[in-house]
């Protein structure tokens, strides 16, 4: 059985061109094509995509509409996380070599 991966992906500056919170409802989201294509490939391979954002919870419906309108695939959406650095912590299986927690930092608005 082939195990699938889980991808935790930030929204603003990674999937959409970065905008300030106060402009979300009055400006159009601009999808970063390379990230969208990457997420589509990951999704097509059967991996899980969990989107994370510091956007406040009251913007959930608006955020979901933007993602749908732009065809961004995802399985879960976690709202209102902190704006500071994000840490992914996972255990390592002593019987299987390789990292079990991987971080990828991308330059804002440049995509994957």
C-alpha atoms as a PDB file:
ATOM      1  CA  UNK A   1       0.000   0.000   0.000  1.00  0.00           C
ATOM      2  CA  UNK A   2       1.346   3.374  -1.077  1.00  0.00           C
ATOM      3  CA  UNK A   3       1.177   5.926   1.738  1.00  0.00           C
ATOM      4  CA  UNK A   4       0.079   9.418   0.797  1.00  0.00           C
ATOM      5  CA  UNK A   5       1.549  12.711   1.983  1.00  0.00           C
ATOM      6  CA  UNK A   6      -0.074  15.659   3.705  1.00  0.00           C
ATOM      7  CA  UNK A   7       0.716  19.146   2.444  1.00  0.00           C
ATOM      8  CA  UNK A   8       0.132  22.139   4.736  1.00  0.00           C
ATOM      9  CA  UNK A   9      -0.007  25.222   2.499  1.00  0.00           C
ATOM     10  CA  UNK A  10      -0.410  28.875   3.413  1.00  0.00           C
ATOM     11  CA  UNK A  11      -2.842  30.865   1.268  1.00  0.00           C
ATOM     12  CA  UNK A  12      -1.774  34.509   1.006  1.00  0.00           C
ATOM     13  CA  UNK A  13       1.556  35.043  -0.711  1.00  0.00           C
ATOM     14  CA  UNK A  14       1.727  31.331  -1.572  1.00  0.00           C
ATOM     15  CA  UNK A  15      -1.507  30.482  -3.438  1.00  0.00           C
ATOM     16  CA  UNK A  16      -2.820  34.019  -3.966  1.00  0.00           C
ATOM     17  CA  UNK A  17      -0.811  37.208  -4.472  1.00  0.00           C
ATOM     18  CA  UNK A  18      -0.511  38.753  -1.005  1.00  0.00           C
ATOM     19  CA  UNK A  19      -3.166  41.283   0.041  1.00  0.00           C
ATOM     20  CA  UNK A  20      -3.877  43.004   3.349  1.00  0.00           C
ATOM     21  CA  UNK A  21      -6.789  41.645   5.434  1.00  0.00           C
ATOM     22  CA  UNK A  22      -8.853  44.786   5.018  1.00  0.00           C
ATOM     23  CA  UNK A  23      -8.808  44.427   1.201  1.00  0.00           C
ATOM     24  CA  UNK A  24      -9.947  40.791   0.891  1.00  0.00           C
ATOM     25  CA  UNK A  25     -13.608  41.578   0.401  1.00  0.00           C
ATOM     26  CA  UNK A  26     -13.024  44.533  -1.939  1.00  0.00           C
ATOM     27  CA  UNK A  27     -10.283  43.174  -4.200  1.00  0.00           C
ATOM     28  CA  UNK A  28     -10.021  40.206  -6.529  1.00  0.00           C
ATOM     29  CA  UNK A  29      -7.812  37.270  -5.532  1.00  0.00           C
ATOM     30  CA  UNK A  30      -5.012  36.661  -8.021  1.00  0.00           C
ATOM     31  CA  UNK A  31      -3.972  33.022  -8.094  1.00  0.00           C
ATOM     32  CA  UNK A  32      -0.279  32.160  -8.474  1.00  0.00           C
ATOM     33  CA  UNK A  33      -0.366  29.733 -11.387  1.00  0.00           C
ATOM     34  CA  UNK A  34       2.704  27.659 -10.482  1.00  0.00           C
ATOM     35  CA  UNK A  35       1.347  26.952  -6.997  1.00  0.00           C
ATOM     36  CA  UNK A  36      -2.102  26.083  -8.324  1.00  0.00           C
ATOM     37  CA  UNK A  37      -0.550  23.675 -10.836  1.00  0.00           C
ATOM     38  CA  UNK A  38       1.582  22.100  -8.113  1.00  0.00           C
ATOM     39  CA  UNK A  39      -1.434  21.629  -5.838  1.00  0.00           C
ATOM     40  CA  UNK A  40      -3.438  20.146  -8.705  1.00  0.00           C
ATOM     41  CA  UNK A  41      -0.667  17.599  -9.329  1.00  0.00           C
ATOM     42  CA  UNK A  42      -0.443  16.752  -5.621  1.00  0.00           C
ATOM     43  CA  UNK A  43      -4.227  16.379  -5.475  1.00  0.00           C
ATOM     44  CA  UNK A  44      -4.302  14.216  -8.620  1.00  0.00           C
ATOM     45  CA  UNK A  45      -1.735  11.918  -6.993  1.00  0.00           C
ATOM     46  CA  UNK A  46      -4.130  11.430  -4.076  1.00  0.00           C
ATOM     47  CA  UNK A  47      -2.264  13.417  -1.430  1.00  0.00           C
ATOM     48  CA  UNK A  48      -4.047  15.510   1.217  1.00  0.00           C
ATOM     49  CA  UNK A  49      -3.934  19.311   1.038  1.00  0.00           C
ATOM     50  CA  UNK A  50      -4.595  21.301   4.200  1.00  0.00           C
ATOM     51  CA  UNK A  51      -4.682  25.043   3.681  1.00  0.00           C
ATOM     52  CA  UNK A  52      -3.687  27.324   6.534  1.00  0.00           C
ATOM     53  CA  UNK A  53      -4.230  31.034   6.897  1.00  0.00           C
ATOM     54  CA  UNK A  54      -4.042  33.837   9.423  1.00  0.00           C
ATOM     55  CA  UNK A  55      -7.263  35.209   7.914  1.00  0.00           C
ATOM     56  CA  UNK A  56      -9.876  35.702  10.635  1.00  0.00           C
ATOM     57  CA  UNK A  57     -12.657  33.143  10.964  1.00  0.00           C
ATOM     58  CA  UNK A  58     -15.291  35.659   9.792  1.00  0.00           C
ATOM     59  CA  UNK A  59     -13.638  35.457   6.333  1.00  0.00           C
ATOM     60  CA  UNK A  60     -14.096  31.659   6.034  1.00  0.00           C
ATOM     61  CA  UNK A  61     -17.000  31.762   3.563  1.00  0.00           C
ATOM     62  CA  UNK A  62     -15.292  34.466   1.502  1.00  0.00           C
ATOM     63  CA  UNK A  63     -12.039  32.473   1.491  1.00  0.00           C
ATOM     64  CA  UNK A  64     -13.805  29.260   0.449  1.00  0.00           C
ATOM     65  CA  UNK A  65     -15.510  31.146  -2.397  1.00  0.00           C
ATOM     66  CA  UNK A  66     -12.169  32.562  -3.610  1.00  0.00           C
ATOM     67  CA  UNK A  67     -10.587  29.118  -3.559  1.00  0.00           C
ATOM     68  CA  UNK A  68     -13.505  27.558  -5.443  1.00  0.00           C
ATOM     69  CA  UNK A  69     -13.696  30.370  -7.999  1.00  0.00           C
ATOM     70  CA  UNK A  70      -9.983  29.949  -8.729  1.00  0.00           C
ATOM     71  CA  UNK A  71     -10.114  26.142  -8.845  1.00  0.00           C
ATOM     72  CA  UNK A  72      -7.677  25.607  -5.979  1.00  0.00           C
ATOM     73  CA  UNK A  73      -7.898  22.009  -4.743  1.00  0.00           C
ATOM     74  CA  UNK A  74      -7.862  21.347  -0.987  1.00  0.00           C
ATOM     75  CA  UNK A  75      -9.316  18.991   1.605  1.00  0.00           C
ATOM     76  CA  UNK A  76      -9.326  21.066   4.799  1.00  0.00           C
ATOM     77  CA  UNK A  77      -9.030  24.730   5.687  1.00  0.00           C
ATOM     78  CA  UNK A  78      -7.611  25.953   8.993  1.00  0.00           C
ATOM     79  CA  UNK A  79      -8.341  29.626   9.668  1.00  0.00           C
ATOM     80  CA  UNK A  80      -7.005  32.200  12.116  1.00  0.00           C
ATOM     81  CA  UNK A  81      -3.571  30.740  12.788  1.00  0.00           C
ATOM     82  CA  UNK A  82      -0.877  33.034  14.142  1.00  0.00           C
ATOM     83  CA  UNK A  83       1.213  35.170  11.802  1.00  0.00           C
ATOM     84  CA  UNK A  84       4.574  34.159  13.261  1.00  0.00           C
ATOM     85  CA  UNK A  85       6.722  31.266  12.007  1.00  0.00           C
ATOM     86  CA  UNK A  86       4.942  27.923  11.596  1.00  0.00           C
ATOM     87  CA  UNK A  87       6.513  24.734  12.946  1.00  0.00           C
ATOM     88  CA  UNK A  88       5.736  21.219  11.751  1.00  0.00           C
ATOM     89  CA  UNK A  89       6.678  18.555  14.283  1.00  0.00           C
ATOM     90  CA  UNK A  90       6.407  14.854  13.515  1.00  0.00           C
ATOM     91  CA  UNK A  91       7.886  11.599  14.805  1.00  0.00           C
ATOM     92  CA  UNK A  92      10.429   9.550  12.829  1.00  0.00           C
ATOM     93  CA  UNK A  93       9.886   5.845  12.255  1.00  0.00           C
ATOM     94  CA  UNK A  94      13.115   4.089  13.325  1.00  0.00           C
ATOM     95  CA  UNK A  95      12.432   1.338  10.776  1.00  0.00           C
ATOM     96  CA  UNK A  96      12.088   3.704   7.819  1.00  0.00           C
ATOM     97  CA  UNK A  97      14.818   6.134   6.785  1.00  0.00           C
ATOM     98  CA  UNK A  98      14.085   9.685   5.787  1.00  0.00           C
ATOM     99  CA  UNK A  99      12.541  12.821   7.179  1.00  0.00           C
ATOM    100  CA  UNK A 100       8.898  12.737   8.219  1.00  0.00           C
ATOM    101  CA  UNK A 101       8.567  16.519   8.560  1.00  0.00           C
ATOM    102  CA  UNK A 102       9.663  18.658   5.642  1.00  0.00           C
ATOM    103  CA  UNK A 103       9.470  22.442   5.308  1.00  0.00           C
ATOM    104  CA  UNK A 104       9.553  24.425   2.078  1.00  0.00           C
ATOM    105  CA  UNK A 105       9.843  28.202   2.223  1.00  0.00           C
ATOM    106  CA  UNK A 106       8.925  30.148  -0.920  1.00  0.00           C
ATOM    107  CA  UNK A 107       9.386  33.824  -1.650  1.00  0.00           C
ATOM    108  CA  UNK A 108       6.152  35.765  -1.279  1.00  0.00           C
ATOM    109  CA  UNK A 109       4.063  35.946  -4.466  1.00  0.00           C
ATOM    110  CA  UNK A 110       6.578  33.865  -6.500  1.00  0.00           C
ATOM    111  CA  UNK A 111       4.848  30.483  -6.144  1.00  0.00           C
ATOM    112  CA  UNK A 112       6.341  27.035  -6.115  1.00  0.00           C
END
